[in-house]
Amino acid sequence: MIKKYLGIVFFLLGIIMIISSLYFSYKIFTGSQQAPQIFSIKSEEGASSGASLPSNLQEQINKIVNEKIKEIFPQEYINKLLNLMSWSVFAWILLTGGSTVASLGIKMLK
């Protein structure tokens, strides 16, 4: 009898884990909620390295390269991308764990 109740609890817990991860993923990817802010990368203003070129010319090259990189990949884009990737990994873990818990509950019900 206890095995049956425990199976029902595990099954429901697994289904809740699956549904909640899908619900929050839907809200995040539709834009109605932001992904958890795990990463917050700050831009660094270049430190000069090496000395084969005069320091003034090296600083100008570093500045130009940094500006071009910021034009191609804005800082907010990189932060959002990393946060979405971390949420995707966490949601995958929740989905996998939820399906495992639910299948354990089903086995206990049989």
PDB file of N, CA and C in Angstrom:
ATOM      1  N   MET A   1       0.825  -1.197   0.000  1.00  0.00           N
ATOM      2  CA  MET A   1       0.000   0.000   0.000  1.00  0.00           C
ATOM      3  C   MET A   1       0.870   1.262   0.000  1.00  0.00           C
ATOM      4  N   ILE A   2       1.890   1.280   0.860  1.00  0.00           N
ATOM      5  CA  ILE A   2       2.788   2.452   0.921  1.00  0.00           C
ATOM      6  C   ILE A   2       3.528   2.603  -0.401  1.00  0.00           C
ATOM      7  N   LYS A   3       3.894   1.471  -1.006  1.00  0.00           N
ATOM      8  CA  LYS A   3       4.598   1.511  -2.290  1.00  0.00           C
ATOM      9  C   LYS A   3       3.740   2.181  -3.360  1.00  0.00           C
ATOM     10  N   LYS A   4       2.438   1.940  -3.318  1.00  0.00           N
ATOM     11  CA  LYS A   4       1.539   2.537  -4.295  1.00  0.00           C
ATOM     12  C   LYS A   4       1.448   4.058  -4.104  1.00  0.00           C
ATOM     13  N   TYR A   5       1.319   4.501  -2.844  1.00  0.00           N
ATOM     14  CA  TYR A   5       1.257   5.946  -2.575  1.00  0.00           C
ATOM     15  C   TYR A   5       2.574   6.636  -2.923  1.00  0.00           C
ATOM     16  N   LEU A   6       3.667   5.966  -2.603  1.00  0.00           N
ATOM     17  CA  LEU A   6       4.970   6.535  -2.936  1.00  0.00           C
ATOM     18  C   LEU A   6       5.145   6.612  -4.454  1.00  0.00           C
ATOM     19  N   GLY A   7       4.640   5.633  -5.181  1.00  0.00           N
ATOM     20  CA  GLY A   7       4.689   5.655  -6.639  1.00  0.00           C
ATOM     21  C   GLY A   7       3.892   6.812  -7.211  1.00  0.00           C
ATOM     22  N   ILE A   8       2.720   7.065  -6.636  1.00  0.00           N
ATOM     23  CA  ILE A   8       1.900   8.198  -7.088  1.00  0.00           C
ATOM     24  C   ILE A   8       2.610   9.516  -6.817  1.00  0.00           C
ATOM     25  N   VAL A   9       3.233   9.633  -5.639  1.00  0.00           N
ATOM     26  CA  VAL A   9       3.957  10.869  -5.284  1.00  0.00           C
ATOM     27  C   VAL A   9       5.125  11.082  -6.243  1.00  0.00           C
ATOM     28  N   PHE A  10       5.895  10.033  -6.515  1.00  0.00           N
ATOM     29  CA  PHE A  10       7.022  10.171  -7.441  1.00  0.00           C
ATOM     30  C   PHE A  10       6.552  10.528  -8.845  1.00  0.00           C
ATOM     31  N   PHE A  11       5.481   9.878  -9.287  1.00  0.00           N
ATOM     32  CA  PHE A  11       4.955  10.175 -10.611  1.00  0.00           C
ATOM     33  C   PHE A  11       4.525  11.631 -10.714  1.00  0.00           C
ATOM     34  N   LEU A  12       3.771  12.107  -9.724  1.00  0.00           N
ATOM     35  CA  LEU A  12       3.308  13.502  -9.750  1.00  0.00           C
ATOM     36  C   LEU A  12       4.468  14.484  -9.633  1.00  0.00           C
ATOM     37  N   LEU A  13       5.443  14.158  -8.803  1.00  0.00           N
ATOM     38  CA  LEU A  13       6.616  15.027  -8.666  1.00  0.00           C
ATOM     39  C   LEU A  13       7.375  15.129  -9.995  1.00  0.00           C
ATOM     40  N   GLY A  14       7.540  14.008 -10.687  1.00  0.00           N
ATOM     41  CA  GLY A  14       8.213  14.026 -11.987  1.00  0.00           C
ATOM     42  C   GLY A  14       7.449  14.838 -13.016  1.00  0.00           C
ATOM     43  N   ILE A  15       6.120  14.676 -13.033  1.00  0.00           N
ATOM     44  CA  ILE A  15       5.293  15.441 -13.976  1.00  0.00           C
ATOM     45  C   ILE A  15       5.367  16.936 -13.656  1.00  0.00           C
ATOM     46  N   ILE A  16       5.362  17.296 -12.389  1.00  0.00           N
ATOM     47  CA  ILE A  16       5.469  18.713 -11.995  1.00  0.00           C
ATOM     48  C   ILE A  16       6.815  19.281 -12.424  1.00  0.00           C
ATOM     49  N   MET A  17       7.886  18.511 -12.264  1.00  0.00           N
ATOM     50  CA  MET A  17       9.209  18.983 -12.686  1.00  0.00           C
ATOM     51  C   MET A  17       9.240  19.223 -14.192  1.00  0.00           C
ATOM     52  N   ILE A  18       8.664  18.313 -14.956  1.00  0.00           N
ATOM     53  CA  ILE A  18       8.663  18.440 -16.412  1.00  0.00           C
ATOM     54  C   ILE A  18       7.827  19.646 -16.842  1.00  0.00           C
ATOM     55  N   ILE A  19       6.624  19.751 -16.306  1.00  0.00           N
ATOM     56  CA  ILE A  19       5.730  20.844 -16.711  1.00  0.00           C
ATOM     57  C   ILE A  19       6.295  22.198 -16.303  1.00  0.00           C
ATOM     58  N   SER A  20       6.866  22.298 -15.099  1.00  0.00           N
ATOM     59  CA  SER A  20       7.399  23.596 -14.662  1.00  0.00           C
ATOM     60  C   SER A  20       8.599  24.020 -15.503  1.00  0.00           C
ATOM     61  N   SER A  21       9.480  23.078 -15.843  1.00  0.00           N
ATOM     62  CA  SER A  21      10.625  23.463 -16.675  1.00  0.00           C
ATOM     63  C   SER A  21      10.176  23.878 -18.071  1.00  0.00           C
ATOM     64  N   LEU A  22       9.180  23.193 -18.627  1.00  0.00           N
ATOM     65  CA  LEU A  22       8.661  23.591 -19.939  1.00  0.00           C
ATOM     66  C   LEU A  22       7.956  24.945 -19.877  1.00  0.00           C
ATOM     67  N   TYR A  23       7.202  25.183 -18.804  1.00  0.00           N
ATOM     68  CA  TYR A  23       6.485  26.451 -18.655  1.00  0.00           C
ATOM     69  C   TYR A  23       7.459  27.621 -18.552  1.00  0.00           C
ATOM     70  N   PHE A  24       8.469  27.493 -17.690  1.00  0.00           N
ATOM     71  CA  PHE A  24       9.419  28.597 -17.532  1.00  0.00           C
ATOM     72  C   PHE A  24      10.275  28.772 -18.783  1.00  0.00           C
ATOM     73  N   SER A  25      10.599  27.691 -19.467  1.00  0.00           N
ATOM     74  CA  SER A  25      11.340  27.816 -20.732  1.00  0.00           C
ATOM     75  C   SER A  25      10.507  28.547 -21.770  1.00  0.00           C
ATOM     76  N   TYR A  26       9.219  28.242 -21.827  1.00  0.00           N
ATOM     77  CA  TYR A  26       8.330  28.940 -22.760  1.00  0.00           C
ATOM     78  C   TYR A  26       8.294  30.434 -22.443  1.00  0.00           C
ATOM     79  N   LYS A  27       8.170  30.783 -21.151  1.00  0.00           N
ATOM     80  CA  LYS A  27       8.127  32.197 -20.769  1.00  0.00           C
ATOM     81  C   LYS A  27       9.432  32.908 -21.099  1.00  0.00           C
ATOM     82  N   ILE A  28      10.556  32.239 -20.905  1.00  0.00           N
ATOM     83  CA  ILE A  28      11.851  32.856 -21.173  1.00  0.00           C
ATOM     84  C   ILE A  28      12.057  33.052 -22.669  1.00  0.00           C
ATOM     85  N   PHE A  29      11.760  32.042 -23.460  1.00  0.00           N
ATOM     86  CA  PHE A  29      12.036  32.140 -24.886  1.00  0.00           C
ATOM     87  C   PHE A  29      11.017  32.971 -25.648  1.00  0.00           C
ATOM     88  N   THR A  30       9.836  33.227 -25.066  1.00  0.00           N
ATOM     89  CA  THR A  30       8.906  34.155 -25.699  1.00  0.00           C
ATOM     90  C   THR A  30       9.172  35.593 -25.271  1.00  0.00           C
ATOM     91  N   GLY A  31      10.004  35.788 -24.261  1.00  0.00           N
ATOM     92  CA  GLY A  31      10.392  37.128 -23.849  1.00  0.00           C
ATOM     93  C   GLY A  31       9.542  37.733 -22.755  1.00  0.00           C
ATOM     94  N   SER A  32       8.584  36.999 -22.204  1.00  0.00           N
ATOM     95  CA  SER A  32       7.763  37.566 -21.131  1.00  0.00           C
ATOM     96  C   SER A  32       8.477  37.509 -19.786  1.00  0.00           C
ATOM     97  N   GLN A  33       9.580  36.763 -19.713  1.00  0.00           N
ATOM     98  CA  GLN A  33      10.386  36.693 -18.496  1.00  0.00           C
ATOM     99  C   GLN A  33      11.846  36.580 -18.917  1.00  0.00           C
ATOM    100  N   GLN A  34      12.733  37.164 -18.138  1.00  0.00           N
ATOM    101  CA  GLN A  34      14.151  37.089 -18.463  1.00  0.00           C
ATOM    102  C   GLN A  34      14.758  35.819 -17.903  1.00  0.00           C
ATOM    103  N   ALA A  35      15.780  35.339 -18.573  1.00  0.00           N
ATOM    104  CA  ALA A  35      16.520  34.180 -18.070  1.00  0.00           C
ATOM    105  C   ALA A  35      17.264  34.591 -16.802  1.00  0.00           C
ATOM    106  N   PRO A  36      17.491  33.661 -15.899  1.00  0.00           N
ATOM    107  CA  PRO A  36      18.254  33.992 -14.693  1.00  0.00           C
ATOM    108  C   PRO A  36      19.625  34.550 -15.063  1.00  0.00           C
ATOM    109  N   GLN A  37      20.027  35.610 -14.389  1.00  0.00           N
ATOM    110  CA  GLN A  37      21.284  36.281 -14.703  1.00  0.00           C
ATOM    111  C   GLN A  37      22.437  35.576 -13.991  1.00  0.00           C
ATOM    112  N   ILE A  38      22.995  34.584 -14.649  1.00  0.00           N
ATOM    113  CA  ILE A  38      24.122  33.839 -14.103  1.00  0.00           C
ATOM    114  C   ILE A  38      25.426  34.517 -14.517  1.00  0.00           C
ATOM    115  N   PHE A  39      25.481  34.914 -15.780  1.00  0.00           N
ATOM    116  CA  PHE A  39      26.686  35.539 -16.323  1.00  0.00           C
ATOM    117  C   PHE A  39      26.469  37.036 -16.478  1.00  0.00           C
ATOM    118  N   SER A  40      27.474  37.796 -16.088  1.00  0.00           N
ATOM    119  CA  SER A  40      27.472  39.239 -16.288  1.00  0.00           C
ATOM    120  C   SER A  40      28.903  39.650 -16.593  1.00  0.00           C
ATOM    121  N   ILE A  41      29.239  39.624 -17.861  1.00  0.00           N
ATOM    122  CA  ILE A  41      30.604  39.909 -18.288  1.00  0.00           C
ATOM    123  C   ILE A  41      30.750  41.402 -18.512  1.00  0.00           C
ATOM    124  N   LYS A  42      31.709  41.967 -17.881  1.00  0.00           N
ATOM    125  CA  LYS A  42      32.007  43.390 -18.038  1.00  0.00           C
ATOM    126  C   LYS A  42      33.088  43.545 -19.102  1.00  0.00           C
ATOM    127  N   SER A  43      32.993  44.615 -19.873  1.00  0.00           N
ATOM    128  CA  SER A  43      34.012  44.848 -20.891  1.00  0.00           C
ATOM    129  C   SER A  43      35.256  45.427 -20.243  1.00  0.00           C
ATOM    130  N   GLU A  44      36.390  44.978 -20.744  1.00  0.00           N
ATOM    131  CA  GLU A  44      37.671  45.473 -20.243  1.00  0.00           C
ATOM    132  C   GLU A  44      38.288  46.368 -21.296  1.00  0.00           C
ATOM    133  N   GLU A  45      38.794  47.470 -20.845  1.00  0.00           N
ATOM    134  CA  GLU A  45      39.515  48.330 -21.775  1.00  0.00           C
ATOM    135  C   GLU A  45      40.945  47.828 -21.840  1.00  0.00           C
ATOM    136  N   GLY A  46      41.415  47.680 -23.065  1.00  0.00           N
ATOM    137  CA  GLY A  46      42.623  46.940 -23.387  1.00  0.00           C
ATOM    138  C   GLY A  46      43.864  47.249 -22.594  1.00  0.00           C
ATOM    139  N   ALA A  47      44.513  46.195 -22.191  1.00  0.00           N
ATOM    140  CA  ALA A  47      45.843  46.291 -21.622  1.00  0.00           C
ATOM    141  C   ALA A  47      46.804  45.963 -22.753  1.00  0.00           C
ATOM    142  N   SER A  48      47.805  46.767 -22.939  1.00  0.00           N
ATOM    143  CA  SER A  48      48.696  46.537 -24.066  1.00  0.00           C
ATOM    144  C   SER A  48      49.610  45.358 -23.769  1.00  0.00           C
ATOM    145  N   SER A  49      49.843  44.559 -24.802  1.00  0.00           N
ATOM    146  CA  SER A  49      50.716  43.407 -24.647  1.00  0.00           C
ATOM    147  C   SER A  49      51.789  43.466 -25.727  1.00  0.00           C
ATOM    148  N   GLY A  50      52.896  42.845 -25.459  1.00  0.00           N
ATOM    149  CA  GLY A  50      53.966  42.791 -26.451  1.00  0.00           C
ATOM    150  C   GLY A  50      54.557  44.158 -26.713  1.00  0.00           C
ATOM    151  N   ALA A  51      55.698  44.178 -27.385  1.00  0.00           N
ATOM    152  CA  ALA A  51      56.323  45.464 -27.627  1.00  0.00           C
ATOM    153  C   ALA A  51      57.067  45.499 -28.944  1.00  0.00           C
ATOM    154  N   SER A  52      56.618  44.774 -29.956  1.00  0.00           N
ATOM    155  CA  SER A  52      57.311  44.839 -31.233  1.00  0.00           C
ATOM    156  C   SER A  52      56.953  46.123 -31.976  1.00  0.00           C
ATOM    157  N   LEU A  53      55.760  46.686 -31.680  1.00  0.00           N
ATOM    158  CA  LEU A  53      55.355  47.946 -32.285  1.00  0.00           C
ATOM    159  C   LEU A  53      55.468  49.050 -31.246  1.00  0.00           C
ATOM    160  N   PRO A  54      55.594  50.286 -31.683  1.00  0.00           N
ATOM    161  CA  PRO A  54      55.591  51.383 -30.707  1.00  0.00           C
ATOM    162  C   PRO A  54      54.294  51.357 -29.907  1.00  0.00           C
ATOM    163  N   SER A  55      54.355  51.738 -28.650  1.00  0.00           N
ATOM    164  CA  SER A  55      53.200  51.602 -27.748  1.00  0.00           C
ATOM    165  C   SER A  55      51.994  52.396 -28.252  1.00  0.00           C
ATOM    166  N   ASN A  56      52.186  53.544 -28.839  1.00  0.00           N
ATOM    167  CA  ASN A  56      51.080  54.339 -29.336  1.00  0.00           C
ATOM    168  C   ASN A  56      50.357  53.605 -30.462  1.00  0.00           C
ATOM    169  N   LEU A  57      51.103  53.028 -31.391  1.00  0.00           N
ATOM    170  CA  LEU A  57      50.510  52.290 -32.494  1.00  0.00           C
ATOM    171  C   LEU A  57      49.823  51.020 -31.992  1.00  0.00           C
ATOM    172  N   GLN A  58      50.434  50.342 -31.021  1.00  0.00           N
ATOM    173  CA  GLN A  58      49.844  49.130 -30.443  1.00  0.00           C
ATOM    174  C   GLN A  58      48.527  49.463 -29.748  1.00  0.00           C
ATOM    175  N   GLU A  59      48.472  50.553 -29.038  1.00  0.00           N
ATOM    176  CA  GLU A  59      47.245  50.968 -28.360  1.00  0.00           C
ATOM    177  C   GLU A  59      46.152  51.306 -29.373  1.00  0.00           C
ATOM    178  N   GLN A  60      46.528  51.947 -30.468  1.00  0.00           N
ATOM    179  CA  GLN A  60      45.546  52.283 -31.493  1.00  0.00           C
ATOM    180  C   GLN A  60      44.986  51.014 -32.149  1.00  0.00           C
ATOM    181  N   ILE A  61      45.841  50.045 -32.407  1.00  0.00           N
ATOM    182  CA  ILE A  61      45.378  48.786 -33.000  1.00  0.00           C
ATOM    183  C   ILE A  61      44.446  48.066 -32.028  1.00  0.00           C
ATOM    184  N   ASN A  62      44.817  48.010 -30.747  1.00  0.00           N
ATOM    185  CA  ASN A  62      43.961  47.370 -29.740  1.00  0.00           C
ATOM    186  C   ASN A  62      42.595  48.051 -29.650  1.00  0.00           C
ATOM    187  N   LYS A  63      42.612  49.368 -29.703  1.00  0.00           N
ATOM    188  CA  LYS A  63      41.358  50.122 -29.615  1.00  0.00           C
ATOM    189  C   LYS A  63      40.466  49.839 -30.820  1.00  0.00           C
ATOM    190  N   ILE A  64      41.046  49.816 -32.018  1.00  0.00           N
ATOM    191  CA  ILE A  64      40.279  49.555 -33.235  1.00  0.00           C
ATOM    192  C   ILE A  64      39.714  48.138 -33.223  1.00  0.00           C
ATOM    193  N   VAL A  65      40.531  47.174 -32.825  1.00  0.00           N
ATOM    194  CA  VAL A  65      40.076  45.782 -32.782  1.00  0.00           C
ATOM    195  C   VAL A  65      38.940  45.635 -31.765  1.00  0.00           C
ATOM    196  N   ASN A  66      39.083  46.234 -30.588  1.00  0.00           N
ATOM    197  CA  ASN A  66      38.034  46.162 -29.568  1.00  0.00           C
ATOM    198  C   ASN A  66      36.731  46.793 -30.051  1.00  0.00           C
ATOM    199  N   GLU A  67      36.830  47.916 -30.740  1.00  0.00           N
ATOM    200  CA  GLU A  67      35.623  48.567 -31.261  1.00  0.00           C
ATOM    201  C   GLU A  67      34.935  47.693 -32.307  1.00  0.00           C
ATOM    202  N   LYS A  68      35.703  47.062 -33.182  1.00  0.00           N
ATOM    203  CA  LYS A  68      35.117  46.204 -34.222  1.00  0.00           C
ATOM    204  C   LYS A  68      34.462  44.966 -33.607  1.00  0.00           C
ATOM    205  N   ILE A  69      35.089  44.397 -32.599  1.00  0.00           N
ATOM    206  CA  ILE A  69      34.501  43.235 -31.920  1.00  0.00           C
ATOM    207  C   ILE A  69      33.200  43.630 -31.230  1.00  0.00           C
ATOM    208  N   LYS A  70      33.185  44.815 -30.611  1.00  0.00           N
ATOM    209  CA  LYS A  70      31.957  45.276 -29.952  1.00  0.00           C
ATOM    210  C   LYS A  70      30.844  45.555 -30.958  1.00  0.00           C
ATOM    211  N   GLU A  71      31.202  45.967 -32.174  1.00  0.00           N
ATOM    212  CA  GLU A  71      30.190  46.173 -33.208  1.00  0.00           C
ATOM    213  C   GLU A  71      29.596  44.840 -33.665  1.00  0.00           C
ATOM    214  N   ILE A  72      30.440  43.826 -33.797  1.00  0.00           N
ATOM    215  CA  ILE A  72      29.963  42.521 -34.259  1.00  0.00           C
ATOM    216  C   ILE A  72      29.177  41.810 -33.167  1.00  0.00           C
ATOM    217  N   PHE A  73      29.721  41.745 -31.969  1.00  0.00           N
ATOM    218  CA  PHE A  73      29.089  41.075 -30.832  1.00  0.00           C
ATOM    219  C   PHE A  73      28.932  42.052 -29.681  1.00  0.00           C
ATOM    220  N   PRO A  74      27.789  42.731 -29.578  1.00  0.00           N
ATOM    221  CA  PRO A  74      27.585  43.638 -28.443  1.00  0.00           C
ATOM    222  C   PRO A  74      27.619  42.869 -27.122  1.00  0.00           C
ATOM    223  N   GLN A  75      28.029  43.546 -26.068  1.00  0.00           N
ATOM    224  CA  GLN A  75      28.185  42.915 -24.760  1.00  0.00           C
ATOM    225  C   GLN A  75      26.877  42.315 -24.261  1.00  0.00           C
ATOM    226  N   GLU A  76      25.755  43.009 -24.491  1.00  0.00           N
ATOM    227  CA  GLU A  76      24.465  42.492 -24.031  1.00  0.00           C
ATOM    228  C   GLU A  76      24.123  41.190 -24.744  1.00  0.00           C
ATOM    229  N   TYR A  77      24.483  41.072 -26.012  1.00  0.00           N
ATOM    230  CA  TYR A  77      24.211  39.859 -26.779  1.00  0.00           C
ATOM    231  C   TYR A  77      24.943  38.666 -26.182  1.00  0.00           C
ATOM    232  N   ILE A  78      26.192  38.849 -25.834  1.00  0.00           N
ATOM    233  CA  ILE A  78      26.988  37.757 -25.264  1.00  0.00           C
ATOM    234  C   ILE A  78      26.427  37.353 -23.908  1.00  0.00           C
ATOM    235  N   ASN A  79      26.065  38.335 -23.067  1.00  0.00           N
ATOM    236  CA  ASN A  79      25.485  38.018 -21.763  1.00  0.00           C
ATOM    237  C   ASN A  79      24.180  37.258 -21.912  1.00  0.00           C
ATOM    238  N   LYS A  80      23.299  37.704 -22.810  1.00  0.00           N
ATOM    239  CA  LYS A  80      22.025  37.022 -23.016  1.00  0.00           C
ATOM    240  C   LYS A  80      22.241  35.612 -23.545  1.00  0.00           C
ATOM    241  N   LEU A  81      23.176  35.470 -24.474  1.00  0.00           N
ATOM    242  CA  LEU A  81      23.450  34.160 -25.043  1.00  0.00           C
ATOM    243  C   LEU A  81      23.945  33.189 -23.977  1.00  0.00           C
ATOM    244  N   LEU A  82      24.877  33.625 -23.147  1.00  0.00           N
ATOM    245  CA  LEU A  82      25.395  32.750 -22.091  1.00  0.00           C
ATOM    246  C   LEU A  82      24.311  32.405 -21.071  1.00  0.00           C
ATOM    247  N   ASN A  83      23.461  33.377 -20.717  1.00  0.00           N
ATOM    248  CA  ASN A  83      22.392  33.109 -19.764  1.00  0.00           C
ATOM    249  C   ASN A  83      21.346  32.163 -20.344  1.00  0.00           C
ATOM    250  N   LEU A  84      21.016  32.314 -21.635  1.00  0.00           N
ATOM    251  CA  LEU A  84      20.075  31.393 -22.267  1.00  0.00           C
ATOM    252  C   LEU A  84      20.656  29.985 -22.367  1.00  0.00           C
ATOM    253  N   MET A  85      21.935  29.895 -22.642  1.00  0.00           N
ATOM    254  CA  MET A  85      22.567  28.582 -22.701  1.00  0.00           C
ATOM    255  C   MET A  85      22.571  27.917 -21.331  1.00  0.00           C
ATOM    256  N   SER A  86      22.854  28.679 -20.284  1.00  0.00           N
ATOM    257  CA  SER A  86      22.849  28.093 -18.939  1.00  0.00           C
ATOM    258  C   SER A  86      21.435  27.671 -18.543  1.00  0.00           C
ATOM    259  N   TRP A  87      20.412  28.455 -18.912  1.00  0.00           N
ATOM    260  CA  TRP A  87      19.048  28.047 -18.615  1.00  0.00           C
ATOM    261  C   TRP A  87      18.676  26.787 -19.391  1.00  0.00           C
ATOM    262  N   SER A  88      19.115  26.695 -20.641  1.00  0.00           N
ATOM    263  CA  SER A  88      18.814  25.511 -21.446  1.00  0.00           C
ATOM    264  C   SER A  88      19.405  24.249 -20.827  1.00  0.00           C
ATOM    265  N   VAL A  89      20.617  24.342 -20.328  1.00  0.00           N
ATOM    266  CA  VAL A  89      21.245  23.194 -19.665  1.00  0.00           C
ATOM    267  C   VAL A  89      20.474  22.839 -18.401  1.00  0.00           C
ATOM    268  N   PHE A  90      20.097  23.840 -17.607  1.00  0.00           N
ATOM    269  CA  PHE A  90      19.345  23.580 -16.386  1.00  0.00           C
ATOM    270  C   PHE A  90      17.976  22.976 -16.694  1.00  0.00           C
ATOM    271  N   ALA A  91      17.294  23.475 -17.723  1.00  0.00           N
ATOM    272  CA  ALA A  91      15.989  22.930 -18.103  1.00  0.00           C
ATOM    273  C   ALA A  91      16.137  21.492 -18.584  1.00  0.00           C
ATOM    274  N   TRP A  92      17.204  21.201 -19.315  1.00  0.00           N
ATOM    275  CA  TRP A  92      17.440  19.831 -19.763  1.00  0.00           C
ATOM    276  C   TRP A  92      17.641  18.903 -18.560  1.00  0.00           C
ATOM    277  N   ILE A  93      18.379  19.371 -17.553  1.00  0.00           N
ATOM    278  CA  ILE A  93      18.573  18.578 -16.338  1.00  0.00           C
ATOM    279  C   ILE A  93      17.238  18.341 -15.640  1.00  0.00           C
ATOM    280  N   LEU A  94      16.400  19.381 -15.561  1.00  0.00           N
ATOM    281  CA  LEU A  94      15.083  19.214 -14.939  1.00  0.00           C
ATOM    282  C   LEU A  94      14.210  18.237 -15.717  1.00  0.00           C
ATOM    283  N   LEU A  95      14.216  18.344 -17.035  1.00  0.00           N
ATOM    284  CA  LEU A  95      13.420  17.427 -17.850  1.00  0.00           C
ATOM    285  C   LEU A  95      13.891  15.983 -17.683  1.00  0.00           C
ATOM    286  N   THR A  96      15.181  15.776 -17.712  1.00  0.00           N
ATOM    287  CA  THR A  96      15.721  14.432 -17.550  1.00  0.00           C
ATOM    288  C   THR A  96      15.428  13.884 -16.163  1.00  0.00           C
ATOM    289  N   GLY A  97      15.631  14.711 -15.146  1.00  0.00           N
ATOM    290  CA  GLY A  97      15.336  14.281 -13.789  1.00  0.00           C
ATOM    291  C   GLY A  97      13.858  14.015 -13.576  1.00  0.00           C
ATOM    292  N   GLY A  98      13.013  14.862 -14.138  1.00  0.00           N
ATOM    293  CA  GLY A  98      11.573  14.673 -14.013  1.00  0.00           C
ATOM    294  C   GLY A  98      11.106  13.398 -14.674  1.00  0.00           C
ATOM    295  N   SER A  99      11.659  13.099 -15.849  1.00  0.00           N
ATOM    296  CA  SER A  99      11.255  11.863 -16.522  1.00  0.00           C
ATOM    297  C   SER A  99      11.748  10.637 -15.762  1.00  0.00           C
ATOM    298  N   THR A 100      12.925  10.735 -15.145  1.00  0.00           N
ATOM    299  CA  THR A 100      13.435   9.617 -14.352  1.00  0.00           C
ATOM    300  C   THR A 100      12.585   9.391 -13.115  1.00  0.00           C
ATOM    301  N   VAL A 101      12.227  10.471 -12.421  1.00  0.00           N
ATOM    302  CA  VAL A 101      11.396  10.351 -11.222  1.00  0.00           C
ATOM    303  C   VAL A 101      10.012   9.817 -11.588  1.00  0.00           C
ATOM    304  N   ALA A 102       9.445  10.308 -12.690  1.00  0.00           N
ATOM    305  CA  ALA A 102       8.124   9.836 -13.112  1.00  0.00           C
ATOM    306  C   ALA A 102       8.171   8.360 -13.509  1.00  0.00           C
ATOM    307  N   SER A 103       9.215   7.943 -14.192  1.00  0.00           N
ATOM    308  CA  SER A 103       9.315   6.528 -14.575  1.00  0.00           C
ATOM    309  C   SER A 103       9.517   5.642 -13.345  1.00  0.00           C
ATOM    310  N   LEU A 104      10.222   6.139 -12.347  1.00  0.00           N
ATOM    311  CA  LEU A 104      10.355   5.399 -11.089  1.00  0.00           C
ATOM    312  C   LEU A 104       9.005   5.240 -10.413  1.00  0.00           C
ATOM    313  N   GLY A 105       8.205   6.307 -10.438  1.00  0.00           N
ATOM    314  CA  GLY A 105       6.865   6.244  -9.880  1.00  0.00           C
ATOM    315  C   GLY A 105       5.987   5.258 -10.612  1.00  0.00           C
ATOM    316  N   ILE A 106       6.110   5.209 -11.949  1.00  0.00           N
ATOM    317  CA  ILE A 106       5.319   4.256 -12.738  1.00  0.00           C
ATOM    318  C   ILE A 106       5.725   2.829 -12.412  1.00  0.00           C
ATOM    319  N   LYS A 107       7.034   2.594 -12.258  1.00  0.00           N
ATOM    320  CA  LYS A 107       7.505   1.246 -11.910  1.00  0.00           C
ATOM    321  C   LYS A 107       6.987   0.825 -10.537  1.00  0.00           C
ATOM    322  N   MET A 108       6.914   1.794  -9.614  1.00  0.00           N
ATOM    323  CA  MET A 108       6.411   1.450  -8.280  1.00  0.00           C
ATOM    324  C   MET A 108       4.912   1.185  -8.289  1.00  0.00           C
ATOM    325  N   LEU A 109       4.187   1.769  -9.221  1.00  0.00           N
ATOM    326  CA  LEU A 109       2.750   1.536  -9.321  1.00  0.00           C
ATOM    327  C   LEU A 109       2.423   0.159  -9.907  1.00  0.00           C
ATOM    328  N   LYS A 110       3.329  -0.384 -10.692  1.00  0.00           N
ATOM    329  CA  LYS A 110       3.063  -1.691 -11.337  1.00  0.00           C
ATOM    330  C   LYS A 110       3.240  -2.843 -10.396  1.00  0.00           C
TER     331      LYS A 110
END
